Amino acid sequence: MVGAAIKIQSCTARLQAEQLVMVDGAFRYLIQKLESALLQHADKLEPLDAKLIRLITDNPAITLGELMQLTQCTVTEARLARFQADSW
């Protein structure tokens, strides 16, 4: 399965919902494999806004350039996150 980690997580959640309806547990193996693969990509499951604010709160001296390099965000997104983190 190929796609954005968030979309794969959404698919896994849907399979889990289907699993509750089914009696035979047909998707159990697939769900376990998807969940174990998603654990390796936990950083991609965090929304960009939350990741930026977490990075800023972890290191208040981080520059906009460093934020952009770590997250591949735009200058606008980095500035907005800096503003939001400073207003907390």
Protein backbone atom coordinates (compact mmCIF):
# COMPACT_ATOMS: atom_id res chain seq x y z
CA MET A 1 0.00 0.00 0.00
CA VAL A 2 1.44 3.35 -1.02
CA GLY A 3 0.26 6.78 0.04
CA ALA A 4 0.50 9.49 2.60
CA ALA A 5 0.84 8.14 6.12
CA ILE A 6 -2.27 9.99 7.27
CA LYS A 7 -4.35 8.42 4.48
CA ILE A 8 -3.03 4.97 5.36
CA GLN A 9 -3.88 5.61 9.01
CA SER A 10 -7.40 6.57 7.93
CA CYS A 11 -7.68 3.37 5.89
CA THR A 12 -6.53 1.34 8.89
CA ALA A 13 -9.17 2.98 11.08
CA ARG A 14 -11.83 2.12 8.52
CA LEU A 15 -10.64 -1.50 8.43
CA GLN A 16 -10.83 -1.61 12.22
CA ALA A 17 -14.41 -0.35 12.07
CA GLU A 18 -15.25 -3.05 9.51
CA GLN A 19 -13.51 -5.60 11.73
CA LEU A 20 -15.97 -4.86 14.53
CA VAL A 21 -18.88 -5.74 12.24
CA MET A 22 -17.34 -8.95 10.90
CA VAL A 23 -17.41 -12.12 12.94
CA ASP A 24 -14.45 -13.99 11.43
CA GLY A 25 -11.78 -11.28 11.97
CA ALA A 26 -10.78 -11.29 8.30
CA PHE A 27 -8.79 -8.04 8.47
CA ARG A 28 -6.89 -8.75 11.71
CA TYR A 29 -3.58 -9.65 10.01
CA LEU A 30 -3.72 -6.70 7.60
CA ILE A 31 -4.56 -4.27 10.42
CA GLN A 32 -1.63 -5.54 12.50
CA LYS A 33 0.77 -5.12 9.56
CA LEU A 34 -0.48 -1.61 8.78
CA GLU A 35 -0.25 -0.53 12.41
CA SER A 36 3.30 -1.85 12.76
CA ALA A 37 4.32 -0.04 9.56
CA LEU A 38 2.70 3.19 10.74
CA LEU A 39 4.70 3.08 13.98
CA GLN A 40 7.86 3.57 11.91
CA HIS A 41 6.40 6.74 10.41
CA ALA A 42 4.89 8.36 13.49
CA ASP A 43 6.55 11.68 12.62
CA LYS A 44 4.54 11.85 9.40
CA LEU A 45 1.28 11.34 11.24
CA GLU A 46 1.72 14.52 13.24
CA PRO A 47 0.09 17.52 11.50
CA LEU A 48 2.56 20.15 10.28
CA ASP A 49 1.18 22.85 12.59
CA ALA A 50 1.57 20.64 15.65
CA LYS A 51 5.06 19.56 14.57
CA LEU A 52 6.20 23.15 14.10
CA ILE A 53 4.87 24.25 17.48
CA ARG A 54 6.43 21.20 19.15
CA LEU A 55 9.81 22.02 17.60
CA ILE A 56 9.55 25.65 18.72
CA THR A 57 8.57 24.76 22.28
CA ASP A 58 11.35 22.15 22.47
CA ASN A 59 13.91 24.70 21.23
CA PRO A 60 12.72 28.33 21.53
CA ALA A 61 15.92 29.57 19.84
CA ILE A 62 15.26 27.62 16.62
CA THR A 63 15.39 29.80 13.52
CA LEU A 64 12.83 29.98 10.76
CA GLY A 65 15.40 28.52 8.39
CA GLU A 66 15.93 25.54 10.66
CA LEU A 67 12.18 25.00 10.93
CA MET A 68 11.86 25.12 7.17
CA GLN A 69 14.73 22.68 6.72
CA LEU A 70 13.41 20.19 9.29
CA THR A 71 9.79 20.20 8.11
CA GLN A 72 9.93 21.37 4.47
CA CYS A 73 7.39 24.06 5.35
CA THR A 74 7.12 27.51 3.83
CA VAL A 75 8.34 30.74 5.43
CA THR A 76 4.73 31.73 6.04
CA GLU A 77 3.95 28.48 7.86
CA ALA A 78 7.11 28.82 9.99
CA ARG A 79 6.30 32.43 10.89
CA LEU A 80 2.71 31.57 11.74
CA ALA A 81 3.85 28.72 13.98
CA ARG A 82 6.38 31.02 15.68
CA PHE A 83 3.61 33.57 16.30
CA GLN A 84 1.27 30.89 17.69
CA ALA A 85 3.96 29.41 19.93
CA ASP A 86 4.90 32.85 21.26
CA SER A 87 1.28 33.72 22.06
CA TRP A 88 0.91 30.67 24.36
